[in-house]
Amino acid sequence: MITTEILNKTVEIVGRVGHGDGCVSVLRKEWPGLRFVACSEDDVPARLKPALEADGFNLYYVGGGEHCLALSQDAESAIGLVVATVEA
């Protein structure tokens, strides 16, 4: 489960260290049980609403079921976050 506290602290960390691959290792150290991925906003389906929009990046939930990982809109079943860089 991804809580509002995790979302807010993720925004703080990414704002401090920058988005992209560099933030992923910091986030993994902060929450070793969660999955984190960095990508471009262009790699995310346009119809998917972000879990949180921030300055220069958006956060999306990663859902994990019995099969492959997938983007999700459900915070309760989320097992991680995607940090998607928004290009100008």
Protein backbone atom coordinates (compact mmCIF):
# COMPACT_ATOMS: atom_id res chain seq x y z
CA MET A 1 0.00 0.00 0.00
CA ILE A 2 1.23 3.48 -0.88
CA THR A 3 0.13 6.04 1.68
CA THR A 4 -0.17 9.80 1.31
CA GLU A 5 2.87 10.06 3.58
CA ILE A 6 4.93 7.95 1.15
CA LEU A 7 3.76 10.07 -1.80
CA ASN A 8 4.63 13.31 -0.03
CA LYS A 9 8.04 12.11 1.14
CA THR A 10 8.77 10.80 -2.37
CA VAL A 11 8.06 14.26 -3.77
CA GLU A 12 10.42 15.76 -1.19
CA ILE A 13 13.20 13.28 -1.99
CA VAL A 14 12.83 13.59 -5.77
CA GLY A 15 12.74 17.37 -5.44
CA ARG A 16 16.01 17.22 -3.50
CA VAL A 17 17.98 14.63 -5.53
CA GLY A 18 16.34 15.12 -8.94
CA HIS A 19 14.17 12.81 -10.98
CA GLY A 20 15.34 10.12 -13.31
CA ASP A 21 17.45 7.09 -12.51
CA GLY A 22 19.36 8.93 -9.77
CA CYS A 23 16.37 9.14 -7.45
CA VAL A 24 15.47 5.47 -7.77
CA SER A 25 18.37 4.20 -5.63
CA VAL A 26 17.62 6.79 -2.93
CA LEU A 27 13.95 5.80 -2.89
CA ARG A 28 14.82 2.10 -2.72
CA LYS A 29 17.03 2.74 0.31
CA GLU A 30 14.22 4.69 2.00
CA TRP A 31 11.63 1.96 1.31
CA PRO A 32 13.41 -1.34 0.53
CA GLY A 33 10.13 -3.25 0.35
CA LEU A 34 8.70 -1.08 -2.44
CA ARG A 35 9.52 -0.98 -6.16
CA PHE A 36 10.59 2.21 -7.90
CA VAL A 37 11.07 2.94 -11.59
CA ALA A 38 12.02 6.10 -13.46
CA CYS A 39 10.79 6.88 -16.96
CA SER A 40 9.54 9.68 -19.15
CA GLU A 41 5.95 10.86 -18.96
CA ASP A 42 5.82 9.97 -22.67
CA ASP A 43 6.17 6.30 -21.67
CA VAL A 44 2.98 6.37 -19.58
CA PRO A 45 -0.42 5.87 -21.23
CA ALA A 46 -2.06 9.28 -21.70
CA ARG A 47 -5.37 8.08 -20.25
CA LEU A 48 -3.79 7.12 -16.89
CA LYS A 49 -4.20 9.72 -14.17
CA PRO A 50 -1.12 10.29 -11.97
CA ALA A 51 -1.30 9.49 -8.28
CA LEU A 52 0.39 12.84 -7.73
CA GLU A 53 1.57 15.65 -10.00
CA ALA A 54 4.71 17.55 -8.97
CA ASP A 55 7.05 20.11 -10.47
CA GLY A 56 8.76 18.39 -13.40
CA PHE A 57 7.51 14.87 -12.70
CA ASN A 58 4.44 12.79 -11.95
CA LEU A 59 4.06 9.76 -9.70
CA TYR A 60 2.12 6.67 -10.74
CA TYR A 61 1.26 3.57 -8.74
CA VAL A 62 2.82 0.23 -9.60
CA GLY A 63 0.41 -2.60 -8.94
CA GLY A 64 1.51 -6.13 -8.36
CA GLY A 65 -0.77 -9.06 -8.75
CA GLU A 66 -0.08 -12.69 -9.22
CA HIS A 67 1.44 -11.97 -12.61
CA CYS A 68 3.41 -9.09 -14.15
CA LEU A 69 3.80 -5.63 -12.72
CA ALA A 70 1.47 -3.01 -14.18
CA LEU A 71 0.55 0.61 -13.68
CA SER A 72 -2.41 1.01 -11.39
CA GLN A 73 -4.72 3.62 -9.94
CA ASP A 74 -5.23 1.75 -6.68
CA ALA A 75 -3.13 2.96 -3.75
CA GLU A 76 -4.29 0.02 -1.61
CA SER A 77 -2.80 -2.63 -3.87
CA ALA A 78 0.20 -0.58 -5.05
CA ILE A 79 3.65 -2.05 -4.39
CA GLY A 80 5.69 0.84 -5.74
CA LEU A 81 5.87 4.05 -7.72
CA VAL A 82 6.91 5.22 -11.14
CA VAL A 83 8.64 8.60 -11.25
CA ALA A 84 7.79 9.96 -14.70
CA THR A 85 9.76 12.99 -15.86
CA VAL A 86 7.62 15.62 -17.56
CA GLU A 87 9.49 17.19 -20.48
CA ALA A 88 8.81 20.83 -21.33
